[in-house]
Amino acid sequence: MDVDLRDLQLLEAMAESGSLTAAASRLFVSQPALSQRLTRLEDRLGMRLFERAGRRLVPNPAGRRMLVAARQVLGELESATRDLRDIRDGRDRRVRFAAQCSTTFPWLPPVLRAFRGREPDTEVRIVTVPDDAPIPALLADLVDVALVTKPDTQMDRVSLRPLFEDEMVAVVPAGHPWASRTHVTARDFTGVDLVLYDVYDQSRIPSEPLPIPQGARPARITTMPLVTDLVIEMAAGGQGVAILPNWVAAPYASSHGLALVRIGARPLTRTWFCATRPGPLPPHQAAFVEELTACLTGPRLP
């Protein structure tokens, strides 16, 4: 696709101002020059990007799609420019942190309070990474510290520090047949509808193994966005059995009339790790890892 940085700036300015004249003023170019640039861009793409709505020019479907890309690229360039300026001036004191599969962070405020007491001039950024995959983001220098649990083919390329184990449980209404059970087995899942986070969408390549016993054969799997309240409401409404970490589901048990049931005779657990790039960490990042480790190991589980 023959699109350059000036084209992306044009798209953003046009979308925000709604007219060629205002966009030209914002970009410090003449209106005829900007009009010609837009025409050339649309000719290269083979389609119009804006349509007239009254006195305004508004993006059409093709323009809206291009605008998404423009804002992502321009935003990343702006962020990179700030970061490079901080590196040049010796002010690169940030910790970019990502947590895998996490939809609730009750443990994070104590970590931040303790860390800021040690490193008051350091900024902590909570980063959302594509496809809930922090290991590739870590290796690409998009994050500095990651809380991870799902296996990744590149895990051998990062440093891993074990933190804690959590238990996956079946979440059902209090009146469900499973509610009085000490645990359920693979056979119990036969014909059962499941409600899971969309990280378990089996159409993904590669797909994430389902958090149920080996050999279990559920009937239907409904995947939902990483919004715990939504998954809980589905389970409470009898739309399927939800599978969630115990520490995520437990706060909802009383308020939503739910039962949390062990999966398997022995608990179905996951191990969580603190992941960083190999080698010595800058002091401020090492301090963050120390506070994260202190909070999430031993008896102080989330």
C-alpha atoms as a PDB file:
ATOM      1  CA  MET A   1       0.000   0.000   0.000  1.00  0.00           C
ATOM      2  CA  ASP A   2       1.512   3.312  -1.121  1.00  0.00           C
ATOM      3  CA  VAL A   3       0.768   5.441   1.964  1.00  0.00           C
ATOM      4  CA  ASP A   4       3.249   7.684   3.760  1.00  0.00           C
ATOM      5  CA  LEU A   5       3.306   9.565   7.053  1.00  0.00           C
ATOM      6  CA  ARG A   6       1.899  12.760   5.540  1.00  0.00           C
ATOM      7  CA  ASP A   7      -1.082  10.778   4.239  1.00  0.00           C
ATOM      8  CA  LEU A   8      -1.797   9.494   7.738  1.00  0.00           C
ATOM      9  CA  GLN A   9      -1.560  13.008   9.175  1.00  0.00           C
ATOM     10  CA  LEU A  10      -3.965  14.204   6.471  1.00  0.00           C
ATOM     11  CA  LEU A  11      -6.496  11.504   7.396  1.00  0.00           C
ATOM     12  CA  GLU A  12      -6.396  12.377  11.075  1.00  0.00           C
ATOM     13  CA  ALA A  13      -6.632  16.130  10.459  1.00  0.00           C
ATOM     14  CA  MET A  14      -9.517  15.710   8.017  1.00  0.00           C
ATOM     15  CA  ALA A  15     -11.465  13.441  10.363  1.00  0.00           C
ATOM     16  CA  GLU A  16     -11.069  15.800  13.316  1.00  0.00           C
ATOM     17  CA  SER A  17     -11.689  19.091  11.493  1.00  0.00           C
ATOM     18  CA  GLY A  18     -14.298  18.030   8.946  1.00  0.00           C
ATOM     19  CA  SER A  19     -13.078  20.329   6.199  1.00  0.00           C
ATOM     20  CA  LEU A  20     -10.122  20.745   3.888  1.00  0.00           C
ATOM     21  CA  THR A  21      -9.652  24.369   4.918  1.00  0.00           C
ATOM     22  CA  ALA A  22      -9.444  23.600   8.641  1.00  0.00           C
ATOM     23  CA  ALA A  23      -7.244  20.542   8.048  1.00  0.00           C
ATOM     24  CA  ALA A  24      -4.897  22.589   5.844  1.00  0.00           C
ATOM     25  CA  SER A  25      -4.585  25.241   8.561  1.00  0.00           C
ATOM     26  CA  ARG A  26      -3.820  22.577  11.140  1.00  0.00           C
ATOM     27  CA  LEU A  27      -1.124  21.026   8.947  1.00  0.00           C
ATOM     28  CA  PHE A  28       0.302  24.425   7.854  1.00  0.00           C
ATOM     29  CA  VAL A  29      -0.249  23.814   4.144  1.00  0.00           C
ATOM     30  CA  SER A  30      -2.481  25.495   1.587  1.00  0.00           C
ATOM     31  CA  GLN A  31      -5.989  24.216   0.983  1.00  0.00           C
ATOM     32  CA  PRO A  32      -5.368  23.486  -2.732  1.00  0.00           C
ATOM     33  CA  ALA A  33      -2.199  21.530  -1.889  1.00  0.00           C
ATOM     34  CA  LEU A  34      -4.055  19.443   0.699  1.00  0.00           C
ATOM     35  CA  SER A  35      -6.924  18.824  -1.706  1.00  0.00           C
ATOM     36  CA  GLN A  36      -4.488  17.554  -4.325  1.00  0.00           C
ATOM     37  CA  ARG A  37      -2.787  15.303  -1.765  1.00  0.00           C
ATOM     38  CA  LEU A  38      -6.128  13.780  -0.769  1.00  0.00           C
ATOM     39  CA  THR A  39      -7.038  13.216  -4.422  1.00  0.00           C
ATOM     40  CA  ARG A  40      -3.711  11.485  -5.096  1.00  0.00           C
ATOM     41  CA  LEU A  41      -4.153   9.269  -2.028  1.00  0.00           C
ATOM     42  CA  GLU A  42      -7.657   8.241  -3.062  1.00  0.00           C
ATOM     43  CA  ASP A  43      -6.421   7.568  -6.609  1.00  0.00           C
ATOM     44  CA  ARG A  44      -3.662   5.281  -5.290  1.00  0.00           C
ATOM     45  CA  LEU A  45      -6.111   3.408  -3.077  1.00  0.00           C
ATOM     46  CA  GLY A  46      -8.719   3.216  -5.815  1.00  0.00           C
ATOM     47  CA  MET A  47     -11.577   4.498  -3.660  1.00  0.00           C
ATOM     48  CA  ARG A  48     -12.911   7.582  -1.937  1.00  0.00           C
ATOM     49  CA  LEU A  49     -12.213   8.004   1.772  1.00  0.00           C
ATOM     50  CA  PHE A  50     -14.513  10.927   2.625  1.00  0.00           C
ATOM     51  CA  GLU A  51     -18.082  11.854   1.725  1.00  0.00           C
ATOM     52  CA  ARG A  52     -19.833  15.169   2.106  1.00  0.00           C
ATOM     53  CA  ALA A  53     -22.473  15.405   4.830  1.00  0.00           C
ATOM     54  CA  GLY A  54     -23.895  18.903   4.682  1.00  0.00           C
ATOM     55  CA  ARG A  55     -20.946  21.261   4.987  1.00  0.00           C
ATOM     56  CA  ARG A  56     -18.639  18.661   6.472  1.00  0.00           C
ATOM     57  CA  LEU A  57     -16.469  15.940   4.992  1.00  0.00           C
ATOM     58  CA  VAL A  58     -16.835  12.726   6.986  1.00  0.00           C
ATOM     59  CA  PRO A  59     -14.974   9.414   6.616  1.00  0.00           C
ATOM     60  CA  ASN A  60     -16.849   6.685   4.766  1.00  0.00           C
ATOM     61  CA  PRO A  61     -16.264   2.990   5.695  1.00  0.00           C
ATOM     62  CA  ALA A  62     -12.945   2.914   3.802  1.00  0.00           C
ATOM     63  CA  GLY A  63     -11.889   6.177   5.421  1.00  0.00           C
ATOM     64  CA  ARG A  64     -12.811   4.966   8.899  1.00  0.00           C
ATOM     65  CA  ARG A  65     -10.712   1.834   8.415  1.00  0.00           C
ATOM     66  CA  MET A  66      -7.735   3.869   7.246  1.00  0.00           C
ATOM     67  CA  LEU A  67      -8.249   6.264  10.143  1.00  0.00           C
ATOM     68  CA  VAL A  68      -7.893   3.417  12.665  1.00  0.00           C
ATOM     69  CA  ALA A  69      -4.514   2.544  11.150  1.00  0.00           C
ATOM     70  CA  ALA A  70      -3.479   6.203  10.969  1.00  0.00           C
ATOM     71  CA  ARG A  71      -4.202   6.843  14.637  1.00  0.00           C
ATOM     72  CA  GLN A  72      -2.394   3.692  15.732  1.00  0.00           C
ATOM     73  CA  VAL A  73       0.716   4.528  13.711  1.00  0.00           C
ATOM     74  CA  LEU A  74       0.767   8.222  14.650  1.00  0.00           C
ATOM     75  CA  GLY A  75       0.144   7.431  18.314  1.00  0.00           C
ATOM     76  CA  GLU A  76       2.991   4.924  18.404  1.00  0.00           C
ATOM     77  CA  LEU A  77       5.334   7.385  16.677  1.00  0.00           C
ATOM     78  CA  GLU A  78       4.430  10.082  19.183  1.00  0.00           C
ATOM     79  CA  SER A  79       5.046   7.683  22.066  1.00  0.00           C
ATOM     80  CA  ALA A  80       8.374   6.592  20.566  1.00  0.00           C
ATOM     81  CA  THR A  81       9.425  10.225  20.144  1.00  0.00           C
ATOM     82  CA  ARG A  82       8.739  10.936  23.823  1.00  0.00           C
ATOM     83  CA  ASP A  83      10.596   7.806  24.871  1.00  0.00           C
ATOM     84  CA  LEU A  84      13.625   8.656  22.738  1.00  0.00           C
ATOM     85  CA  ARG A  85      13.694  12.147  24.196  1.00  0.00           C
ATOM     86  CA  ASP A  86      13.675  10.669  27.706  1.00  0.00           C
ATOM     87  CA  ILE A  87      16.468   8.245  26.789  1.00  0.00           C
ATOM     88  CA  ARG A  88      18.533  11.066  25.284  1.00  0.00           C
ATOM     89  CA  ASP A  89      18.048  13.245  28.359  1.00  0.00           C
ATOM     90  CA  GLY A  90      18.654  10.430  30.856  1.00  0.00           C
ATOM     91  CA  ARG A  91      15.040  10.478  32.068  1.00  0.00           C
ATOM     92  CA  ASP A  92      14.003   6.990  30.955  1.00  0.00           C
ATOM     93  CA  ARG A  93      12.550   5.943  34.318  1.00  0.00           C
ATOM     94  CA  ARG A  94       9.472   3.981  33.445  1.00  0.00           C
ATOM     95  CA  VAL A  95       8.158   0.468  33.972  1.00  0.00           C
ATOM     96  CA  ARG A  96       5.815  -0.845  31.290  1.00  0.00           C
ATOM     97  CA  PHE A  97       3.807  -3.659  32.873  1.00  0.00           C
ATOM     98  CA  ALA A  98       1.423  -6.189  31.311  1.00  0.00           C
ATOM     99  CA  ALA A  99      -0.615  -8.894  33.005  1.00  0.00           C
ATOM    100  CA  GLN A 100      -1.853 -11.926  31.085  1.00  0.00           C
ATOM    101  CA  CYS A 101      -5.483 -13.066  31.383  1.00  0.00           C
ATOM    102  CA  SER A 102      -6.112 -10.539  34.145  1.00  0.00           C
ATOM    103  CA  THR A 103      -9.448  -8.787  34.371  1.00  0.00           C
ATOM    104  CA  THR A 104      -9.115  -7.594  37.938  1.00  0.00           C
ATOM    105  CA  PHE A 105      -6.147  -6.103  39.786  1.00  0.00           C
ATOM    106  CA  PRO A 106      -6.979  -5.982  43.536  1.00  0.00           C
ATOM    107  CA  TRP A 107      -3.334  -6.726  44.301  1.00  0.00           C
ATOM    108  CA  LEU A 108      -1.892  -3.918  42.161  1.00  0.00           C
ATOM    109  CA  PRO A 109      -2.465  -0.821  44.377  1.00  0.00           C
ATOM    110  CA  PRO A 110      -0.313  -2.217  47.231  1.00  0.00           C
ATOM    111  CA  VAL A 111       2.451  -2.986  44.719  1.00  0.00           C
ATOM    112  CA  LEU A 112       2.307   0.556  43.329  1.00  0.00           C
ATOM    113  CA  ARG A 113       2.239   2.176  46.784  1.00  0.00           C
ATOM    114  CA  ALA A 114       5.296   0.254  47.932  1.00  0.00           C
ATOM    115  CA  PHE A 115       7.107   0.854  44.641  1.00  0.00           C
ATOM    116  CA  ARG A 116       6.416   4.596  44.605  1.00  0.00           C
ATOM    117  CA  GLY A 117       7.764   4.812  48.122  1.00  0.00           C
ATOM    118  CA  ARG A 118      11.048   3.467  46.755  1.00  0.00           C
ATOM    119  CA  GLU A 119      11.021   5.070  43.297  1.00  0.00           C
ATOM    120  CA  PRO A 120       8.868   8.222  43.447  1.00  0.00           C
ATOM    121  CA  ASP A 121      10.160   9.553  40.128  1.00  0.00           C
ATOM    122  CA  THR A 122       9.387   6.401  38.107  1.00  0.00           C
ATOM    123  CA  GLU A 123       6.234   6.057  36.004  1.00  0.00           C
ATOM    124  CA  VAL A 124       4.409   2.722  35.852  1.00  0.00           C
ATOM    125  CA  ARG A 125       2.428   2.167  32.662  1.00  0.00           C
ATOM    126  CA  ILE A 126      -0.165  -0.611  32.481  1.00  0.00           C
ATOM    127  CA  VAL A 127       0.082  -1.902  28.911  1.00  0.00           C
ATOM    128  CA  THR A 128      -2.499  -3.879  26.937  1.00  0.00           C
ATOM    129  CA  VAL A 129      -0.760  -6.201  24.487  1.00  0.00           C
ATOM    130  CA  PRO A 130      -2.215  -7.747  21.308  1.00  0.00           C
ATOM    131  CA  ASP A 131      -3.761 -11.215  21.567  1.00  0.00           C
ATOM    132  CA  ASP A 132      -3.110 -11.345  25.327  1.00  0.00           C
ATOM    133  CA  ALA A 133       0.473 -12.375  24.488  1.00  0.00           C
ATOM    134  CA  PRO A 134       2.970 -10.481  26.683  1.00  0.00           C
ATOM    135  CA  ILE A 135       5.989 -12.686  25.941  1.00  0.00           C
ATOM    136  CA  PRO A 136       6.335 -11.494  22.308  1.00  0.00           C
ATOM    137  CA  ALA A 137       5.687  -7.943  23.533  1.00  0.00           C
ATOM    138  CA  LEU A 138       8.432  -8.356  26.125  1.00  0.00           C
ATOM    139  CA  LEU A 139      10.906  -9.591  23.515  1.00  0.00           C
ATOM    140  CA  ALA A 140       9.922  -6.722  21.205  1.00  0.00           C
ATOM    141  CA  ASP A 141      10.688  -4.212  23.998  1.00  0.00           C
ATOM    142  CA  LEU A 142       7.062  -3.109  24.216  1.00  0.00           C
ATOM    143  CA  VAL A 143       6.831  -4.030  27.914  1.00  0.00           C
ATOM    144  CA  ASP A 144       9.447  -4.403  30.652  1.00  0.00           C
ATOM    145  CA  VAL A 145       7.750  -6.686  33.183  1.00  0.00           C
ATOM    146  CA  ALA A 146       4.932  -9.167  32.573  1.00  0.00           C
ATOM    147  CA  LEU A 147       2.766 -11.339  34.790  1.00  0.00           C
ATOM    148  CA  VAL A 148       2.209 -14.522  32.776  1.00  0.00           C
ATOM    149  CA  THR A 149       0.667 -17.941  33.133  1.00  0.00           C
ATOM    150  CA  LYS A 150      -0.183 -19.295  29.666  1.00  0.00           C
ATOM    151  CA  PRO A 151       2.560 -21.310  27.923  1.00  0.00           C
ATOM    152  CA  ASP A 152       4.300 -19.561  25.064  1.00  0.00           C
ATOM    153  CA  THR A 153       6.711 -21.029  22.534  1.00  0.00           C
ATOM    154  CA  GLN A 154       9.186 -18.232  23.331  1.00  0.00           C
ATOM    155  CA  MET A 155       9.171 -18.615  27.107  1.00  0.00           C
ATOM    156  CA  ASP A 156      12.708 -20.027  27.014  1.00  0.00           C
ATOM    157  CA  ARG A 157      13.917 -16.640  25.739  1.00  0.00           C
ATOM    158  CA  VAL A 158      12.870 -14.686  28.845  1.00  0.00           C
ATOM    159  CA  SER A 159      13.670 -14.818  32.535  1.00  0.00           C
ATOM    160  CA  LEU A 160      10.858 -16.353  34.610  1.00  0.00           C
ATOM    161  CA  ARG A 161      10.378 -16.042  38.362  1.00  0.00           C
ATOM    162  CA  PRO A 162       7.631 -18.310  39.845  1.00  0.00           C
ATOM    163  CA  LEU A 163       5.175 -16.334  41.949  1.00  0.00           C
ATOM    164  CA  PHE A 164       2.070 -18.302  42.917  1.00  0.00           C
ATOM    165  CA  GLU A 165      -0.463 -20.894  41.844  1.00  0.00           C
ATOM    166  CA  ASP A 166      -4.167 -20.258  41.448  1.00  0.00           C
ATOM    167  CA  GLU A 167      -7.014 -22.734  41.113  1.00  0.00           C
ATOM    168  CA  MET A 168      -9.480 -22.842  38.219  1.00  0.00           C
ATOM    169  CA  VAL A 169     -13.037 -23.558  39.392  1.00  0.00           C
ATOM    170  CA  ALA A 170     -16.429 -24.180  37.829  1.00  0.00           C
ATOM    171  CA  VAL A 171     -18.836 -21.324  38.537  1.00  0.00           C
ATOM    172  CA  VAL A 172     -22.520 -22.295  38.692  1.00  0.00           C
ATOM    173  CA  PRO A 173     -25.717 -20.928  40.273  1.00  0.00           C
ATOM    174  CA  ALA A 174     -26.280 -22.014  43.872  1.00  0.00           C
ATOM    175  CA  GLY A 175     -29.201 -24.209  42.753  1.00  0.00           C
ATOM    176  CA  HIS A 176     -27.199 -26.032  40.095  1.00  0.00           C
ATOM    177  CA  PRO A 177     -26.746 -29.835  40.521  1.00  0.00           C
ATOM    178  CA  TRP A 178     -23.005 -29.311  40.825  1.00  0.00           C
ATOM    179  CA  ALA A 179     -23.324 -26.835  43.699  1.00  0.00           C
ATOM    180  CA  SER A 180     -23.362 -29.547  46.369  1.00  0.00           C
ATOM    181  CA  ARG A 181     -20.526 -31.560  44.825  1.00  0.00           C
ATOM    182  CA  THR A 182     -17.028 -31.622  46.310  1.00  0.00           C
ATOM    183  CA  HIS A 183     -15.650 -31.719  42.771  1.00  0.00           C
ATOM    184  CA  VAL A 184     -16.563 -32.549  39.180  1.00  0.00           C
ATOM    185  CA  THR A 185     -14.741 -34.826  36.746  1.00  0.00           C
ATOM    186  CA  ALA A 186     -14.223 -34.946  33.002  1.00  0.00           C
ATOM    187  CA  ARG A 187     -17.340 -37.108  32.614  1.00  0.00           C
ATOM    188  CA  ASP A 188     -19.497 -34.435  34.286  1.00  0.00           C
ATOM    189  CA  PHE A 189     -18.681 -31.993  31.482  1.00  0.00           C
ATOM    190  CA  THR A 190     -20.308 -34.180  28.807  1.00  0.00           C
ATOM    191  CA  GLY A 191     -23.055 -32.169  27.136  1.00  0.00           C
ATOM    192  CA  VAL A 192     -22.444 -29.105  29.331  1.00  0.00           C
ATOM    193  CA  ASP A 193     -22.410 -25.586  27.875  1.00  0.00           C
ATOM    194  CA  LEU A 194     -19.346 -23.563  28.887  1.00  0.00           C
ATOM    195  CA  VAL A 195     -18.805 -19.807  29.172  1.00  0.00           C
ATOM    196  CA  LEU A 196     -15.145 -18.809  28.863  1.00  0.00           C
ATOM    197  CA  TYR A 197     -12.986 -15.781  28.204  1.00  0.00           C
ATOM    198  CA  ASP A 198     -12.292 -15.367  24.500  1.00  0.00           C
ATOM    199  CA  VAL A 199      -8.627 -16.261  25.017  1.00  0.00           C
ATOM    200  CA  TYR A 200      -9.956 -19.847  24.861  1.00  0.00           C
ATOM    201  CA  ASP A 201     -11.590 -19.339  21.455  1.00  0.00           C
ATOM    202  CA  GLN A 202     -10.799 -22.607  19.675  1.00  0.00           C
ATOM    203  CA  SER A 203     -10.863 -20.961  16.251  1.00  0.00           C
ATOM    204  CA  ARG A 204      -7.625 -19.158  17.091  1.00  0.00           C
ATOM    205  CA  ILE A 205      -4.388 -20.460  15.636  1.00  0.00           C
ATOM    206  CA  PRO A 206      -2.795 -21.760  17.771  1.00  0.00           C
ATOM    207  CA  SER A 207      -5.718 -22.373  20.094  1.00  0.00           C
ATOM    208  CA  GLU A 208      -5.403 -22.253  23.876  1.00  0.00           C
ATOM    209  CA  PRO A 209      -6.143 -25.575  25.685  1.00  0.00           C
ATOM    210  CA  LEU A 210      -9.487 -25.457  27.457  1.00  0.00           C
ATOM    211  CA  PRO A 211      -9.305 -25.143  31.272  1.00  0.00           C
ATOM    212  CA  ILE A 212     -11.163 -28.418  31.858  1.00  0.00           C
ATOM    213  CA  PRO A 213     -10.023 -32.011  32.573  1.00  0.00           C
ATOM    214  CA  GLN A 214      -8.500 -34.007  29.758  1.00  0.00           C
ATOM    215  CA  GLY A 215     -11.151 -36.047  27.978  1.00  0.00           C
ATOM    216  CA  ALA A 216     -14.000 -33.694  28.888  1.00  0.00           C
ATOM    217  CA  ARG A 217     -16.513 -33.233  26.061  1.00  0.00           C
ATOM    218  CA  PRO A 218     -18.636 -30.114  26.573  1.00  0.00           C
ATOM    219  CA  ALA A 219     -21.583 -29.437  24.258  1.00  0.00           C
ATOM    220  CA  ARG A 220     -21.144 -25.762  23.386  1.00  0.00           C
ATOM    221  CA  ILE A 221     -18.470 -23.211  24.201  1.00  0.00           C
ATOM    222  CA  THR A 222     -19.448 -19.544  24.337  1.00  0.00           C
ATOM    223  CA  THR A 223     -16.491 -17.180  24.502  1.00  0.00           C
ATOM    224  CA  MET A 224     -16.805 -13.685  25.908  1.00  0.00           C
ATOM    225  CA  PRO A 225     -14.532 -10.621  26.003  1.00  0.00           C
ATOM    226  CA  LEU A 226     -12.139 -10.339  28.949  1.00  0.00           C
ATOM    227  CA  VAL A 227     -14.830  -8.767  31.134  1.00  0.00           C
ATOM    228  CA  THR A 228     -15.373 -10.767  34.313  1.00  0.00           C
ATOM    229  CA  ASP A 229     -18.752  -9.171  35.114  1.00  0.00           C
ATOM    230  CA  LEU A 230     -20.083 -10.381  31.762  1.00  0.00           C
ATOM    231  CA  VAL A 231     -18.929 -13.962  32.288  1.00  0.00           C
ATOM    232  CA  ILE A 232     -20.331 -13.954  35.839  1.00  0.00           C
ATOM    233  CA  GLU A 233     -23.729 -12.689  34.679  1.00  0.00           C
ATOM    234  CA  MET A 234     -23.879 -15.426  32.039  1.00  0.00           C
ATOM    235  CA  ALA A 235     -23.157 -18.107  34.652  1.00  0.00           C
ATOM    236  CA  ALA A 236     -25.567 -16.618  37.206  1.00  0.00           C
ATOM    237  CA  GLY A 237     -28.274 -16.498  34.522  1.00  0.00           C
ATOM    238  CA  GLY A 238     -27.889 -20.202  33.779  1.00  0.00           C
ATOM    239  CA  GLN A 239     -26.403 -19.656  30.311  1.00  0.00           C
ATOM    240  CA  GLY A 240     -23.546 -22.053  30.922  1.00  0.00           C
ATOM    241  CA  VAL A 241     -20.865 -23.130  33.377  1.00  0.00           C
ATOM    242  CA  ALA A 242     -18.112 -20.542  33.682  1.00  0.00           C
ATOM    243  CA  ILE A 243     -14.516 -21.559  34.348  1.00  0.00           C
ATOM    244  CA  LEU A 244     -12.604 -18.869  36.227  1.00  0.00           C
ATOM    245  CA  PRO A 245      -9.702 -18.543  38.668  1.00  0.00           C
ATOM    246  CA  ASN A 246     -10.948 -18.940  42.230  1.00  0.00           C
ATOM    247  CA  TRP A 247      -9.594 -15.532  43.295  1.00  0.00           C
ATOM    248  CA  VAL A 248     -11.421 -13.830  40.407  1.00  0.00           C
ATOM    249  CA  ALA A 249     -14.762 -15.571  40.968  1.00  0.00           C
ATOM    250  CA  ALA A 250     -14.843 -15.613  44.786  1.00  0.00           C
ATOM    251  CA  PRO A 251     -15.854 -11.939  45.280  1.00  0.00           C
ATOM    252  CA  TYR A 252     -19.001 -12.570  43.194  1.00  0.00           C
ATOM    253  CA  ALA A 253     -20.166 -15.763  44.923  1.00  0.00           C
ATOM    254  CA  SER A 254     -22.315 -14.180  47.610  1.00  0.00           C
ATOM    255  CA  SER A 255     -23.681 -11.211  45.665  1.00  0.00           C
ATOM    256  CA  HIS A 256     -24.686 -13.316  42.632  1.00  0.00           C
ATOM    257  CA  GLY A 257     -25.769 -16.533  44.383  1.00  0.00           C
ATOM    258  CA  LEU A 258     -22.999 -18.657  42.915  1.00  0.00           C
ATOM    259  CA  ALA A 259     -21.196 -21.838  43.900  1.00  0.00           C
ATOM    260  CA  LEU A 260     -17.530 -22.445  43.100  1.00  0.00           C
ATOM    261  CA  VAL A 261     -16.815 -26.116  42.437  1.00  0.00           C
ATOM    262  CA  ARG A 262     -13.424 -27.819  42.279  1.00  0.00           C
ATOM    263  CA  ILE A 263     -12.492 -29.283  38.898  1.00  0.00           C
ATOM    264  CA  GLY A 264     -11.028 -32.750  39.409  1.00  0.00           C
ATOM    265  CA  ALA A 265     -10.250 -34.682  42.578  1.00  0.00           C
ATOM    266  CA  ARG A 266      -7.072 -32.624  42.776  1.00  0.00           C
ATOM    267  CA  PRO A 267      -7.320 -28.876  42.151  1.00  0.00           C
ATOM    268  CA  LEU A 268      -6.810 -27.687  38.568  1.00  0.00           C
ATOM    269  CA  THR A 269      -4.080 -25.091  39.042  1.00  0.00           C
ATOM    270  CA  ARG A 270      -1.943 -22.720  37.007  1.00  0.00           C
ATOM    271  CA  THR A 271       1.480 -21.296  37.857  1.00  0.00           C
ATOM    272  CA  TRP A 272       2.032 -17.560  37.479  1.00  0.00           C
ATOM    273  CA  PHE A 273       5.445 -16.080  36.702  1.00  0.00           C
ATOM    274  CA  CYS A 274       7.072 -12.683  36.646  1.00  0.00           C
ATOM    275  CA  ALA A 275       8.719 -12.425  33.219  1.00  0.00           C
ATOM    276  CA  THR A 276      11.491 -10.028  32.202  1.00  0.00           C
ATOM    277  CA  ARG A 277      14.052  -9.888  29.442  1.00  0.00           C
ATOM    278  CA  PRO A 278      17.283 -11.778  30.224  1.00  0.00           C
ATOM    279  CA  GLY A 279      20.151  -9.960  31.871  1.00  0.00           C
ATOM    280  CA  PRO A 280      20.471  -7.349  34.627  1.00  0.00           C
ATOM    281  CA  LEU A 281      17.526  -4.993  35.007  1.00  0.00           C
ATOM    282  CA  PRO A 282      17.795  -1.218  35.494  1.00  0.00           C
ATOM    283  CA  PRO A 283      17.470  -0.436  39.222  1.00  0.00           C
ATOM    284  CA  HIS A 284      13.949   1.008  38.953  1.00  0.00           C
ATOM    285  CA  GLN A 285      12.680  -2.064  37.056  1.00  0.00           C
ATOM    286  CA  ALA A 286      14.389  -4.394  39.529  1.00  0.00           C
ATOM    287  CA  ALA A 287      12.652  -2.540  42.366  1.00  0.00           C
ATOM    288  CA  PHE A 288       9.271  -3.040  40.701  1.00  0.00           C
ATOM    289  CA  VAL A 289       9.946  -6.770  40.274  1.00  0.00           C
ATOM    290  CA  GLU A 290      10.898  -7.012  43.960  1.00  0.00           C
ATOM    291  CA  GLU A 291       7.654  -5.370  45.087  1.00  0.00           C
ATOM    292  CA  LEU A 292       5.576  -7.481  42.692  1.00  0.00           C
ATOM    293  CA  THR A 293       7.277 -10.639  43.962  1.00  0.00           C
ATOM    294  CA  ALA A 294       6.808  -9.653  47.612  1.00  0.00           C
ATOM    295  CA  CYS A 295       3.086  -9.091  47.059  1.00  0.00           C
ATOM    296  CA  LEU A 296       2.333 -12.189  45.018  1.00  0.00           C
ATOM    297  CA  THR A 297       4.386 -14.883  46.751  1.00  0.00           C
ATOM    298  CA  GLY A 298       3.952 -16.670  50.028  1.00  0.00           C
ATOM    299  CA  PRO A 299       0.683 -16.179  51.883  1.00  0.00           C
ATOM    300  CA  ARG A 300      -0.248 -12.950  50.059  1.00  0.00           C
ATOM    301  CA  LEU A 301      -1.896 -14.406  47.018  1.00  0.00           C
ATOM    302  CA  PRO A 302      -4.296 -12.302  44.935  1.00  0.00           C
END
